[in-house]
Amino acid sequence: MKLKVCGMKSESNILDVASDVKPDYMGFIFYEKSPRYFNSEGPEISEDIKKIGVFVNAKLDFIVEKIEKHKLQGVQLHGDESPEFCAQVRAFDVIVIKVFSIKNQFDFKVLEPYEEVCDYYMFDTKGKEPGGNGYTFNWNVLKKYKSSKSYFLSGGIGMDELDAFLLFLKRPESDLCCTVDLNSKFESTSGFKDIKLLNDFKYQLIKHGYVL
């Protein structure tokens, strides 16, 4: 199990999370309508932490500009991006994570055209916003997941959901869940992460044998 902390914004907070929490991935949202919109240069962080740019129906030129400017190792596509678009992004030698939103049901057949053009899926909560809605979806839906591709789990996961998440990790539908994505439930204000809460969550995963 790996850890992704998304919605980073403040330079000092980015440095604190990078040095104190040491997540595997750090997400930066390049979507202007988001309260966590990242619009700064960004500090240098450890190369062990992969920087992921989050985009919603952005133009390819805009994505490439951010890849080059911020030395992104991955791109997370949160909109209605086509398989062809995913392939275009992937050609720039970055990890491609295609996001699909779920509530109480989901037709996993929609994933089939994306099998060869992205590296991971991410399953997030379907809500008013493209992401960061602050609540979980029904993880039982993932019992119908038939792909062999590893996926990220997102959507309102916090300390209150820890016990449910640990139970989920014991079930077969979690076998391909490679990364948990943490965001709004670990904030004091939008984009500013609580280091103690993140470390508490990480410690519990380590304690229960899900080594990060």
N, C-alpha and C. Protein backbone atom coordinates (compact mmCIF):
# COMPACT_ATOMS: atom_id res chain seq x y z
N MET A 1 0.83 -1.19 0.00
CA MET A 1 0.00 0.00 0.00
C MET A 1 0.88 1.25 0.00
N LYS A 2 0.60 2.14 -0.95
CA LYS A 2 1.32 3.42 -1.01
C LYS A 2 0.39 4.56 -0.63
N LEU A 3 1.01 5.71 -0.37
CA LEU A 3 0.27 6.87 0.12
C LEU A 3 0.42 8.04 -0.86
N LYS A 4 -0.73 8.63 -1.22
CA LYS A 4 -0.72 9.84 -2.04
C LYS A 4 -1.43 10.94 -1.25
N VAL A 5 -0.77 12.08 -1.12
CA VAL A 5 -1.37 13.24 -0.49
C VAL A 5 -1.64 14.25 -1.59
N CYS A 6 -2.91 14.60 -1.77
CA CYS A 6 -3.30 15.43 -2.91
C CYS A 6 -3.81 16.79 -2.45
N GLY A 7 -3.83 17.73 -3.40
CA GLY A 7 -4.34 19.06 -3.12
C GLY A 7 -3.37 19.95 -2.38
N MET A 8 -2.08 19.76 -2.64
CA MET A 8 -1.05 20.57 -1.98
C MET A 8 -1.04 21.98 -2.58
N LYS A 9 -0.76 22.97 -1.72
CA LYS A 9 -0.87 24.36 -2.18
C LYS A 9 0.22 25.27 -1.61
N SER A 10 0.39 25.26 -0.29
CA SER A 10 1.34 26.15 0.38
C SER A 10 2.76 25.58 0.31
N GLU A 11 3.72 26.43 -0.01
CA GLU A 11 5.11 25.98 -0.13
C GLU A 11 5.63 25.39 1.17
N SER A 12 5.36 26.05 2.30
CA SER A 12 5.86 25.55 3.58
C SER A 12 5.20 24.21 3.92
N ASN A 13 3.92 24.07 3.63
CA ASN A 13 3.19 22.83 3.92
C ASN A 13 3.67 21.69 3.01
N ILE A 14 3.97 22.01 1.77
CA ILE A 14 4.53 21.02 0.85
C ILE A 14 5.83 20.46 1.42
N LEU A 15 6.70 21.36 1.88
CA LEU A 15 7.99 20.93 2.44
C LEU A 15 7.80 20.10 3.70
N ASP A 16 6.84 20.50 4.55
CA ASP A 16 6.59 19.77 5.79
C ASP A 16 6.06 18.36 5.51
N VAL A 17 5.11 18.26 4.60
CA VAL A 17 4.55 16.95 4.25
C VAL A 17 5.63 16.07 3.62
N ALA A 18 6.43 16.65 2.75
CA ALA A 18 7.48 15.89 2.08
C ALA A 18 8.50 15.35 3.08
N SER A 19 8.88 16.17 4.06
CA SER A 19 9.94 15.77 4.99
C SER A 19 9.43 14.94 6.16
N ASP A 20 8.21 15.23 6.64
CA ASP A 20 7.70 14.58 7.85
C ASP A 20 6.82 13.37 7.57
N VAL A 21 6.07 13.41 6.48
CA VAL A 21 5.15 12.31 6.16
C VAL A 21 5.77 11.36 5.13
N LYS A 22 6.51 11.94 4.20
CA LYS A 22 7.19 11.16 3.15
C LYS A 22 6.21 10.28 2.36
N PRO A 23 5.19 10.89 1.74
CA PRO A 23 4.27 10.09 0.93
C PRO A 23 4.97 9.61 -0.34
N ASP A 24 4.39 8.64 -0.99
CA ASP A 24 4.95 8.13 -2.25
C ASP A 24 4.63 9.06 -3.41
N TYR A 25 3.46 9.71 -3.30
CA TYR A 25 3.00 10.63 -4.34
C TYR A 25 2.49 11.91 -3.69
N MET A 26 2.67 13.02 -4.40
CA MET A 26 2.11 14.29 -3.95
C MET A 26 1.37 14.91 -5.13
N GLY A 27 0.11 15.27 -4.89
CA GLY A 27 -0.74 15.77 -5.97
C GLY A 27 -0.90 17.27 -5.96
N PHE A 28 -0.80 17.86 -7.15
CA PHE A 28 -0.95 19.31 -7.34
C PHE A 28 -2.07 19.54 -8.35
N ILE A 29 -3.08 20.30 -7.95
CA ILE A 29 -4.28 20.47 -8.76
C ILE A 29 -4.16 21.69 -9.67
N PHE A 30 -4.17 21.43 -10.97
CA PHE A 30 -4.09 22.50 -11.97
C PHE A 30 -5.47 22.70 -12.61
N TYR A 31 -6.42 23.02 -11.75
CA TYR A 31 -7.81 23.23 -12.16
C TYR A 31 -8.30 24.47 -11.44
N GLU A 32 -8.51 25.56 -12.18
CA GLU A 32 -8.73 26.87 -11.57
C GLU A 32 -9.96 26.95 -10.68
N LYS A 33 -10.96 26.11 -10.91
CA LYS A 33 -12.18 26.17 -10.12
C LYS A 33 -12.03 25.49 -8.76
N SER A 34 -10.91 24.80 -8.56
CA SER A 34 -10.69 24.11 -7.29
C SER A 34 -10.16 25.07 -6.23
N PRO A 35 -10.62 24.95 -4.98
CA PRO A 35 -10.04 25.77 -3.90
C PRO A 35 -8.59 25.39 -3.61
N ARG A 36 -8.16 24.25 -4.16
CA ARG A 36 -6.78 23.77 -3.96
C ARG A 36 -5.95 23.99 -5.23
N TYR A 37 -6.39 24.90 -6.06
CA TYR A 37 -5.67 25.21 -7.31
C TYR A 37 -4.23 25.61 -7.01
N PHE A 38 -3.31 24.95 -7.67
CA PHE A 38 -1.89 25.22 -7.44
C PHE A 38 -1.38 26.18 -8.51
N ASN A 39 -0.91 27.34 -8.06
CA ASN A 39 -0.50 28.37 -9.01
C ASN A 39 0.77 29.06 -8.52
N SER A 40 1.77 28.25 -8.16
CA SER A 40 3.06 28.81 -7.74
C SER A 40 4.18 27.97 -8.33
N GLU A 41 5.38 28.36 -8.03
CA GLU A 41 6.53 27.64 -8.57
C GLU A 41 6.70 26.27 -7.92
N GLY A 42 6.50 26.22 -6.61
CA GLY A 42 6.66 24.95 -5.90
C GLY A 42 8.11 24.72 -5.51
N PRO A 43 8.33 24.24 -4.29
CA PRO A 43 9.69 23.99 -3.81
C PRO A 43 10.25 22.66 -4.32
N GLU A 44 11.54 22.50 -4.21
CA GLU A 44 12.17 21.22 -4.54
C GLU A 44 11.87 20.22 -3.42
N ILE A 45 11.47 19.03 -3.80
CA ILE A 45 11.22 17.98 -2.81
C ILE A 45 11.99 16.73 -3.20
N SER A 46 12.02 15.76 -2.30
CA SER A 46 12.77 14.53 -2.55
C SER A 46 12.33 13.85 -3.84
N GLU A 47 13.29 13.33 -4.58
CA GLU A 47 12.98 12.60 -5.81
C GLU A 47 12.24 11.30 -5.53
N ASP A 48 12.23 10.87 -4.28
CA ASP A 48 11.49 9.66 -3.91
C ASP A 48 9.98 9.88 -3.94
N ILE A 49 9.57 11.14 -3.92
CA ILE A 49 8.15 11.48 -3.96
C ILE A 49 7.79 11.87 -5.39
N LYS A 50 6.89 11.11 -6.00
CA LYS A 50 6.48 11.40 -7.37
C LYS A 50 5.45 12.52 -7.37
N LYS A 51 5.70 13.54 -8.18
CA LYS A 51 4.79 14.67 -8.28
C LYS A 51 3.74 14.38 -9.37
N ILE A 52 2.49 14.46 -8.96
CA ILE A 52 1.37 14.15 -9.86
C ILE A 52 0.57 15.42 -10.11
N GLY A 53 0.40 15.78 -11.37
CA GLY A 53 -0.44 16.91 -11.74
C GLY A 53 -1.87 16.45 -11.97
N VAL A 54 -2.83 17.16 -11.37
CA VAL A 54 -4.24 16.80 -11.49
C VAL A 54 -4.92 17.78 -12.45
N PHE A 55 -5.58 17.24 -13.47
CA PHE A 55 -6.19 18.06 -14.51
C PHE A 55 -7.63 17.63 -14.77
N VAL A 56 -8.46 18.59 -15.18
CA VAL A 56 -9.86 18.31 -15.50
C VAL A 56 -10.16 18.86 -16.89
N ASN A 57 -10.24 17.97 -17.86
CA ASN A 57 -10.56 18.36 -19.25
C ASN A 57 -9.65 19.48 -19.76
N ALA A 58 -8.39 19.40 -19.41
CA ALA A 58 -7.42 20.42 -19.84
C ALA A 58 -6.92 20.11 -21.25
N LYS A 59 -6.43 21.13 -21.94
CA LYS A 59 -5.83 20.96 -23.26
C LYS A 59 -4.46 20.28 -23.10
N LEU A 60 -4.08 19.53 -24.12
CA LEU A 60 -2.81 18.81 -24.06
C LEU A 60 -1.65 19.77 -23.88
N ASP A 61 -1.65 20.91 -24.56
CA ASP A 61 -0.55 21.88 -24.45
C ASP A 61 -0.40 22.39 -23.01
N PHE A 62 -1.52 22.60 -22.34
CA PHE A 62 -1.49 23.07 -20.96
C PHE A 62 -0.88 22.01 -20.05
N ILE A 63 -1.27 20.75 -20.26
CA ILE A 63 -0.73 19.66 -19.45
C ILE A 63 0.78 19.52 -19.68
N VAL A 64 1.20 19.57 -20.92
CA VAL A 64 2.62 19.43 -21.25
C VAL A 64 3.42 20.57 -20.63
N GLU A 65 2.86 21.77 -20.66
CA GLU A 65 3.53 22.93 -20.05
C GLU A 65 3.78 22.68 -18.57
N LYS A 66 2.78 22.15 -17.87
CA LYS A 66 2.92 21.89 -16.43
C LYS A 66 3.87 20.72 -16.17
N ILE A 67 3.85 19.71 -17.01
CA ILE A 67 4.80 18.60 -16.87
C ILE A 67 6.23 19.12 -16.91
N GLU A 68 6.50 19.98 -17.87
CA GLU A 68 7.85 20.49 -18.06
C GLU A 68 8.23 21.50 -16.97
N LYS A 69 7.31 22.37 -16.62
CA LYS A 69 7.61 23.42 -15.63
C LYS A 69 7.85 22.84 -14.25
N HIS A 70 7.03 21.86 -13.85
CA HIS A 70 7.08 21.35 -12.49
C HIS A 70 7.74 19.98 -12.39
N LYS A 71 8.27 19.50 -13.51
CA LYS A 71 8.94 18.19 -13.55
C LYS A 71 8.04 17.10 -12.97
N LEU A 72 6.81 17.06 -13.48
CA LEU A 72 5.84 16.08 -13.02
C LEU A 72 6.22 14.69 -13.49
N GLN A 73 6.05 13.71 -12.60
CA GLN A 73 6.27 12.32 -12.99
C GLN A 73 4.96 11.63 -13.37
N GLY A 74 3.84 12.27 -13.07
CA GLY A 74 2.56 11.65 -13.38
C GLY A 74 1.48 12.68 -13.64
N VAL A 75 0.44 12.22 -14.33
CA VAL A 75 -0.71 13.07 -14.65
C VAL A 75 -1.98 12.31 -14.26
N GLN A 76 -2.83 12.98 -13.50
CA GLN A 76 -4.11 12.42 -13.07
C GLN A 76 -5.22 13.14 -13.82
N LEU A 77 -6.00 12.39 -14.58
CA LEU A 77 -7.02 12.98 -15.45
C LEU A 77 -8.39 12.77 -14.84
N HIS A 78 -9.01 13.88 -14.42
CA HIS A 78 -10.21 13.84 -13.60
C HIS A 78 -11.48 14.20 -14.38
N GLY A 79 -11.37 14.35 -15.69
CA GLY A 79 -12.53 14.78 -16.46
C GLY A 79 -13.07 13.70 -17.38
N ASP A 80 -13.48 14.13 -18.58
CA ASP A 80 -14.06 13.21 -19.56
C ASP A 80 -13.04 12.85 -20.65
N GLU A 81 -11.78 12.76 -20.27
CA GLU A 81 -10.72 12.53 -21.24
C GLU A 81 -10.90 11.16 -21.94
N SER A 82 -10.71 11.16 -23.24
CA SER A 82 -10.88 9.95 -24.04
C SER A 82 -9.65 9.04 -23.92
N PRO A 83 -9.79 7.77 -24.31
CA PRO A 83 -8.62 6.89 -24.35
C PRO A 83 -7.52 7.44 -25.26
N GLU A 84 -7.92 8.05 -26.37
CA GLU A 84 -6.94 8.63 -27.29
C GLU A 84 -6.16 9.75 -26.63
N PHE A 85 -6.85 10.57 -25.83
CA PHE A 85 -6.18 11.66 -25.13
C PHE A 85 -5.21 11.11 -24.08
N CYS A 86 -5.62 10.07 -23.38
CA CYS A 86 -4.73 9.45 -22.39
C CYS A 86 -3.45 8.96 -23.06
N ALA A 87 -3.59 8.37 -24.23
CA ALA A 87 -2.42 7.87 -24.96
C ALA A 87 -1.50 9.03 -25.35
N GLN A 88 -2.09 10.17 -25.73
CA GLN A 88 -1.28 11.34 -26.08
C GLN A 88 -0.48 11.84 -24.89
N VAL A 89 -1.12 11.87 -23.73
CA VAL A 89 -0.43 12.32 -22.51
C VAL A 89 0.68 11.34 -22.14
N ARG A 90 0.37 10.08 -22.24
CA ARG A 90 1.33 9.03 -21.86
C ARG A 90 2.59 9.08 -22.72
N ALA A 91 2.46 9.59 -23.94
CA ALA A 91 3.61 9.69 -24.84
C ALA A 91 4.68 10.63 -24.31
N PHE A 92 4.35 11.44 -23.30
CA PHE A 92 5.32 12.36 -22.72
C PHE A 92 6.05 11.73 -21.53
N ASP A 93 6.03 10.40 -21.48
CA ASP A 93 6.80 9.63 -20.52
C ASP A 93 6.43 9.97 -19.08
N VAL A 94 5.13 10.02 -18.81
CA VAL A 94 4.64 10.22 -17.46
C VAL A 94 3.66 9.10 -17.11
N ILE A 95 3.50 8.85 -15.81
CA ILE A 95 2.46 7.95 -15.33
C ILE A 95 1.10 8.60 -15.62
N VAL A 96 0.18 7.82 -16.16
CA VAL A 96 -1.17 8.33 -16.40
C VAL A 96 -2.16 7.61 -15.49
N ILE A 97 -2.87 8.39 -14.68
CA ILE A 97 -3.90 7.87 -13.78
C ILE A 97 -5.25 8.40 -14.27
N LYS A 98 -6.11 7.51 -14.72
CA LYS A 98 -7.43 7.95 -15.19
C LYS A 98 -8.45 7.75 -14.08
N VAL A 99 -9.17 8.82 -13.76
CA VAL A 99 -10.11 8.81 -12.64
C VAL A 99 -11.52 8.52 -13.12
N PHE A 100 -12.21 7.68 -12.36
CA PHE A 100 -13.62 7.38 -12.60
C PHE A 100 -14.37 7.57 -11.30
N SER A 101 -15.51 8.26 -11.39
CA SER A 101 -16.29 8.59 -10.21
C SER A 101 -17.41 7.58 -10.00
N ILE A 102 -17.58 7.18 -8.74
CA ILE A 102 -18.54 6.14 -8.37
C ILE A 102 -19.41 6.63 -7.22
N LYS A 103 -20.68 6.23 -7.23
CA LYS A 103 -21.54 6.49 -6.08
C LYS A 103 -22.01 5.15 -5.53
N ASN A 104 -23.17 4.69 -5.96
CA ASN A 104 -23.71 3.43 -5.46
C ASN A 104 -23.60 2.29 -6.46
N GLN A 105 -23.30 2.64 -7.71
CA GLN A 105 -23.13 1.63 -8.74
C GLN A 105 -22.21 2.17 -9.83
N PHE A 106 -21.70 1.25 -10.65
CA PHE A 106 -20.76 1.66 -11.70
C PHE A 106 -20.67 0.54 -12.74
N ASP A 107 -20.67 0.92 -14.01
CA ASP A 107 -20.52 -0.04 -15.10
C ASP A 107 -19.04 -0.14 -15.46
N PHE A 108 -18.38 -1.18 -15.01
CA PHE A 108 -16.94 -1.31 -15.21
C PHE A 108 -16.55 -1.56 -16.66
N LYS A 109 -17.54 -1.77 -17.52
CA LYS A 109 -17.24 -1.94 -18.94
C LYS A 109 -16.65 -0.66 -19.55
N VAL A 110 -16.94 0.49 -18.92
CA VAL A 110 -16.43 1.75 -19.46
C VAL A 110 -14.90 1.82 -19.34
N LEU A 111 -14.32 0.95 -18.53
CA LEU A 111 -12.86 0.96 -18.37
C LEU A 111 -12.14 0.31 -19.55
N GLU A 112 -12.82 -0.58 -20.25
CA GLU A 112 -12.16 -1.42 -21.26
C GLU A 112 -11.35 -0.64 -22.29
N PRO A 113 -11.84 0.48 -22.84
CA PRO A 113 -11.05 1.22 -23.83
C PRO A 113 -9.79 1.87 -23.26
N TYR A 114 -9.70 1.94 -21.92
CA TYR A 114 -8.57 2.61 -21.27
C TYR A 114 -7.48 1.64 -20.82
N GLU A 115 -7.72 0.35 -20.98
CA GLU A 115 -6.80 -0.65 -20.44
C GLU A 115 -5.36 -0.47 -20.90
N GLU A 116 -5.17 -0.11 -22.16
CA GLU A 116 -3.82 -0.05 -22.73
C GLU A 116 -3.23 1.36 -22.74
N VAL A 117 -3.98 2.35 -22.25
CA VAL A 117 -3.51 3.74 -22.42
C VAL A 117 -3.30 4.48 -21.09
N CYS A 118 -3.50 3.78 -19.96
CA CYS A 118 -3.19 4.41 -18.68
C CYS A 118 -2.49 3.39 -17.80
N ASP A 119 -1.80 3.89 -16.81
CA ASP A 119 -1.03 3.03 -15.91
C ASP A 119 -1.85 2.56 -14.71
N TYR A 120 -2.73 3.43 -14.25
CA TYR A 120 -3.58 3.12 -13.11
C TYR A 120 -4.95 3.73 -13.32
N TYR A 121 -5.95 3.14 -12.66
CA TYR A 121 -7.24 3.80 -12.49
C TYR A 121 -7.26 4.41 -11.10
N MET A 122 -8.09 5.43 -10.95
CA MET A 122 -8.41 5.93 -9.62
C MET A 122 -9.92 5.94 -9.50
N PHE A 123 -10.44 5.43 -8.38
CA PHE A 123 -11.86 5.46 -8.12
C PHE A 123 -12.14 6.47 -7.03
N ASP A 124 -12.98 7.45 -7.38
CA ASP A 124 -13.27 8.58 -6.50
C ASP A 124 -14.79 8.65 -6.32
N THR A 125 -15.22 9.52 -5.43
CA THR A 125 -16.64 9.68 -5.16
C THR A 125 -17.29 10.60 -6.18
N LYS A 126 -18.41 10.15 -6.73
CA LYS A 126 -19.17 10.99 -7.64
C LYS A 126 -19.92 12.04 -6.84
N GLY A 127 -19.68 13.31 -7.15
CA GLY A 127 -20.31 14.39 -6.39
C GLY A 127 -20.41 15.64 -7.22
N LYS A 128 -20.68 16.74 -6.57
CA LYS A 128 -20.86 18.03 -7.25
C LYS A 128 -19.58 18.47 -7.95
N GLU A 129 -18.43 18.23 -7.31
CA GLU A 129 -17.14 18.65 -7.85
C GLU A 129 -16.42 17.45 -8.49
N PRO A 130 -15.45 17.71 -9.39
CA PRO A 130 -14.69 16.61 -10.00
C PRO A 130 -13.90 15.79 -8.99
N GLY A 131 -13.60 16.38 -7.84
CA GLY A 131 -12.88 15.68 -6.77
C GLY A 131 -12.96 16.50 -5.51
N GLY A 132 -12.48 15.95 -4.38
CA GLY A 132 -12.46 16.70 -3.13
C GLY A 132 -13.84 16.95 -2.55
N ASN A 133 -14.79 16.02 -2.80
CA ASN A 133 -16.14 16.21 -2.28
C ASN A 133 -16.25 15.90 -0.79
N GLY A 134 -15.28 15.16 -0.24
CA GLY A 134 -15.21 14.97 1.19
C GLY A 134 -16.00 13.80 1.74
N TYR A 135 -16.47 12.91 0.88
CA TYR A 135 -17.15 11.73 1.41
C TYR A 135 -16.85 10.53 0.51
N THR A 136 -17.00 9.34 1.10
CA THR A 136 -16.62 8.12 0.40
C THR A 136 -17.77 7.60 -0.45
N PHE A 137 -17.43 6.72 -1.41
CA PHE A 137 -18.46 6.01 -2.15
C PHE A 137 -18.59 4.60 -1.57
N ASN A 138 -19.54 3.84 -2.09
CA ASN A 138 -19.78 2.48 -1.61
C ASN A 138 -18.70 1.54 -2.16
N TRP A 139 -17.73 1.19 -1.32
CA TRP A 139 -16.61 0.36 -1.79
C TRP A 139 -17.04 -1.04 -2.19
N ASN A 140 -18.23 -1.48 -1.80
CA ASN A 140 -18.72 -2.79 -2.21
C ASN A 140 -18.88 -2.89 -3.73
N VAL A 141 -19.02 -1.74 -4.37
CA VAL A 141 -19.12 -1.72 -5.83
C VAL A 141 -17.89 -2.37 -6.46
N LEU A 142 -16.75 -2.25 -5.80
CA LEU A 142 -15.49 -2.76 -6.35
C LEU A 142 -15.43 -4.29 -6.38
N LYS A 143 -16.41 -4.95 -5.80
CA LYS A 143 -16.49 -6.41 -5.92
C LYS A 143 -16.67 -6.83 -7.38
N LYS A 144 -17.18 -5.92 -8.20
CA LYS A 144 -17.43 -6.22 -9.61
C LYS A 144 -16.27 -5.81 -10.51
N TYR A 145 -15.19 -5.34 -9.90
CA TYR A 145 -14.00 -4.92 -10.68
C TYR A 145 -13.30 -6.15 -11.24
N LYS A 146 -13.16 -6.23 -12.57
CA LYS A 146 -12.61 -7.42 -13.21
C LYS A 146 -11.25 -7.18 -13.88
N SER A 147 -10.80 -5.96 -13.92
CA SER A 147 -9.52 -5.65 -14.56
C SER A 147 -8.35 -6.20 -13.74
N SER A 148 -7.22 -6.36 -14.40
CA SER A 148 -5.99 -6.76 -13.70
C SER A 148 -5.11 -5.55 -13.40
N LYS A 149 -5.62 -4.36 -13.68
CA LYS A 149 -4.85 -3.13 -13.46
C LYS A 149 -4.98 -2.65 -12.02
N SER A 150 -3.87 -2.27 -11.41
CA SER A 150 -3.89 -1.72 -10.06
C SER A 150 -4.61 -0.37 -10.04
N TYR A 151 -5.21 -0.04 -8.90
CA TYR A 151 -5.95 1.22 -8.82
C TYR A 151 -5.67 1.98 -7.52
N PHE A 152 -5.91 3.29 -7.59
CA PHE A 152 -5.84 4.17 -6.44
C PHE A 152 -7.27 4.31 -5.88
N LEU A 153 -7.39 4.39 -4.56
CA LEU A 153 -8.69 4.61 -3.93
C LEU A 153 -8.72 6.00 -3.33
N SER A 154 -9.74 6.77 -3.70
CA SER A 154 -9.86 8.15 -3.27
C SER A 154 -11.29 8.40 -2.78
N GLY A 155 -11.55 9.64 -2.41
CA GLY A 155 -12.90 10.03 -2.07
C GLY A 155 -13.20 10.10 -0.58
N GLY A 156 -12.83 11.19 0.06
CA GLY A 156 -13.25 11.45 1.43
C GLY A 156 -12.74 10.49 2.48
N ILE A 157 -11.59 9.89 2.25
CA ILE A 157 -11.02 8.97 3.23
C ILE A 157 -10.30 9.77 4.31
N GLY A 158 -10.65 9.50 5.57
CA GLY A 158 -10.03 10.20 6.68
C GLY A 158 -9.90 9.28 7.88
N MET A 159 -9.56 9.84 9.03
CA MET A 159 -9.40 9.03 10.23
C MET A 159 -10.72 8.37 10.64
N ASP A 160 -11.84 9.03 10.36
CA ASP A 160 -13.14 8.45 10.71
C ASP A 160 -13.43 7.19 9.89
N GLU A 161 -12.82 7.08 8.72
CA GLU A 161 -13.03 5.92 7.84
C GLU A 161 -11.94 4.87 7.99
N LEU A 162 -11.01 5.08 8.93
CA LEU A 162 -9.86 4.18 9.04
C LEU A 162 -10.26 2.73 9.30
N ASP A 163 -11.16 2.50 10.24
CA ASP A 163 -11.56 1.13 10.55
C ASP A 163 -12.21 0.45 9.34
N ALA A 164 -13.07 1.19 8.66
CA ALA A 164 -13.72 0.65 7.47
C ALA A 164 -12.70 0.38 6.37
N PHE A 165 -11.71 1.24 6.26
CA PHE A 165 -10.68 1.06 5.24
C PHE A 165 -9.83 -0.17 5.55
N LEU A 166 -9.49 -0.37 6.81
CA LEU A 166 -8.70 -1.55 7.19
C LEU A 166 -9.49 -2.84 6.94
N LEU A 167 -10.79 -2.80 7.15
CA LEU A 167 -11.62 -3.96 6.84
C LEU A 167 -11.67 -4.20 5.33
N PHE A 168 -11.78 -3.12 4.58
CA PHE A 168 -11.78 -3.22 3.12
C PHE A 168 -10.49 -3.88 2.62
N LEU A 169 -9.36 -3.55 3.23
CA LEU A 169 -8.08 -4.09 2.79
C LEU A 169 -7.95 -5.59 3.04
N LYS A 170 -8.83 -6.14 3.86
CA LYS A 170 -8.83 -7.58 4.10
C LYS A 170 -9.68 -8.34 3.10
N ARG A 171 -10.43 -7.61 2.27
CA ARG A 171 -11.34 -8.26 1.35
C ARG A 171 -10.71 -8.42 -0.02
N PRO A 172 -11.13 -9.41 -0.81
CA PRO A 172 -10.50 -9.69 -2.09
C PRO A 172 -10.57 -8.54 -3.09
N GLU A 173 -11.62 -7.71 -3.00
CA GLU A 173 -11.74 -6.61 -3.97
C GLU A 173 -10.68 -5.53 -3.75
N SER A 174 -9.94 -5.63 -2.64
CA SER A 174 -8.88 -4.65 -2.39
C SER A 174 -7.52 -5.12 -2.91
N ASP A 175 -7.46 -6.34 -3.45
CA ASP A 175 -6.16 -6.91 -3.83
C ASP A 175 -5.37 -6.02 -4.78
N LEU A 176 -6.07 -5.31 -5.66
CA LEU A 176 -5.38 -4.46 -6.65
C LEU A 176 -5.38 -2.99 -6.25
N CYS A 177 -5.81 -2.72 -5.02
CA CYS A 177 -5.73 -1.34 -4.51
C CYS A 177 -4.29 -1.09 -4.07
N CYS A 178 -3.55 -0.32 -4.84
CA CYS A 178 -2.12 -0.13 -4.57
C CYS A 178 -1.82 1.15 -3.81
N THR A 179 -2.76 2.12 -3.84
CA THR A 179 -2.48 3.44 -3.26
C THR A 179 -3.75 4.04 -2.69
N VAL A 180 -3.64 4.65 -1.50
CA VAL A 180 -4.76 5.40 -0.93
C VAL A 180 -4.46 6.89 -1.10
N ASP A 181 -5.47 7.62 -1.57
CA ASP A 181 -5.33 9.04 -1.88
C ASP A 181 -6.01 9.86 -0.78
N LEU A 182 -5.24 10.70 -0.11
CA LEU A 182 -5.75 11.49 1.01
C LEU A 182 -5.77 12.96 0.65
N ASN A 183 -6.87 13.63 1.04
CA ASN A 183 -6.99 15.04 0.68
C ASN A 183 -7.78 15.82 1.73
N SER A 184 -9.05 16.05 1.48
CA SER A 184 -9.82 17.04 2.25
C SER A 184 -9.97 16.69 3.73
N LYS A 185 -10.00 15.41 4.08
CA LYS A 185 -10.21 15.03 5.48
C LYS A 185 -8.96 15.23 6.34
N PHE A 186 -7.88 15.70 5.72
CA PHE A 186 -6.62 15.90 6.46
C PHE A 186 -6.19 17.36 6.40
N GLU A 187 -7.18 18.26 6.29
CA GLU A 187 -6.87 19.68 6.12
C GLU A 187 -7.39 20.52 7.29
N SER A 188 -6.63 21.56 7.59
CA SER A 188 -7.11 22.59 8.50
C SER A 188 -7.84 23.67 7.70
N THR A 189 -7.33 23.99 6.53
CA THR A 189 -8.00 24.82 5.53
C THR A 189 -7.71 24.21 4.17
N SER A 190 -8.44 24.61 3.14
CA SER A 190 -8.28 24.02 1.82
C SER A 190 -6.84 24.11 1.33
N GLY A 191 -6.25 22.97 1.07
CA GLY A 191 -4.90 22.93 0.55
C GLY A 191 -3.82 22.86 1.60
N PHE A 192 -4.17 23.01 2.88
CA PHE A 192 -3.17 23.00 3.96
C PHE A 192 -3.37 21.74 4.79
N LYS A 193 -2.41 20.81 4.72
CA LYS A 193 -2.56 19.50 5.33
C LYS A 193 -2.05 19.46 6.77
N ASP A 194 -2.76 18.68 7.60
CA ASP A 194 -2.41 18.49 9.01
C ASP A 194 -1.40 17.34 9.09
N ILE A 195 -0.17 17.66 9.43
CA ILE A 195 0.92 16.68 9.45
C ILE A 195 0.62 15.55 10.45
N LYS A 196 0.12 15.91 11.63
CA LYS A 196 -0.15 14.89 12.65
C LYS A 196 -1.20 13.89 12.17
N LEU A 197 -2.28 14.38 11.58
CA LEU A 197 -3.33 13.49 11.10
C LEU A 197 -2.80 12.54 10.03
N LEU A 198 -2.01 13.08 9.11
CA LEU A 198 -1.44 12.24 8.05
C LEU A 198 -0.55 11.15 8.64
N ASN A 199 0.29 11.54 9.60
CA ASN A 199 1.19 10.57 10.21
C ASN A 199 0.43 9.54 11.05
N ASP A 200 -0.66 9.96 11.68
CA ASP A 200 -1.48 9.02 12.45
C ASP A 200 -2.08 7.96 11.52
N PHE A 201 -2.56 8.39 10.37
CA PHE A 201 -3.15 7.46 9.40
C PHE A 201 -2.07 6.51 8.87
N LYS A 202 -0.93 7.08 8.52
CA LYS A 202 0.17 6.27 8.00
C LYS A 202 0.63 5.26 9.04
N TYR A 203 0.74 5.68 10.29
CA TYR A 203 1.18 4.78 11.37
C TYR A 203 0.23 3.59 11.51
N GLN A 204 -1.06 3.85 11.41
CA GLN A 204 -2.04 2.77 11.55
C GLN A 204 -1.91 1.76 10.41
N LEU A 205 -1.62 2.22 9.22
CA LEU A 205 -1.42 1.30 8.10
C LEU A 205 -0.17 0.44 8.33
N ILE A 206 0.87 1.07 8.82
CA ILE A 206 2.10 0.32 9.11
C ILE A 206 1.85 -0.67 10.25
N LYS A 207 1.15 -0.21 11.29
CA LYS A 207 0.87 -1.05 12.45
C LYS A 207 0.10 -2.31 12.06
N HIS A 208 -0.80 -2.19 11.08
CA HIS A 208 -1.62 -3.31 10.67
C HIS A 208 -1.00 -4.11 9.52
N GLY A 209 0.25 -3.82 9.21
CA GLY A 209 0.97 -4.64 8.25
C GLY A 209 0.88 -4.19 6.80
N TYR A 210 0.31 -3.03 6.58
CA TYR A 210 0.23 -2.49 5.22
C TYR A 210 1.38 -1.51 5.06
N VAL A 211 2.55 -2.07 4.76
CA VAL A 211 3.79 -1.29 4.80
C VAL A 211 3.83 -0.29 3.65
N LEU A 212 4.16 0.95 3.99
CA LEU A 212 4.24 2.00 2.99
C LEU A 212 5.68 2.16 2.52
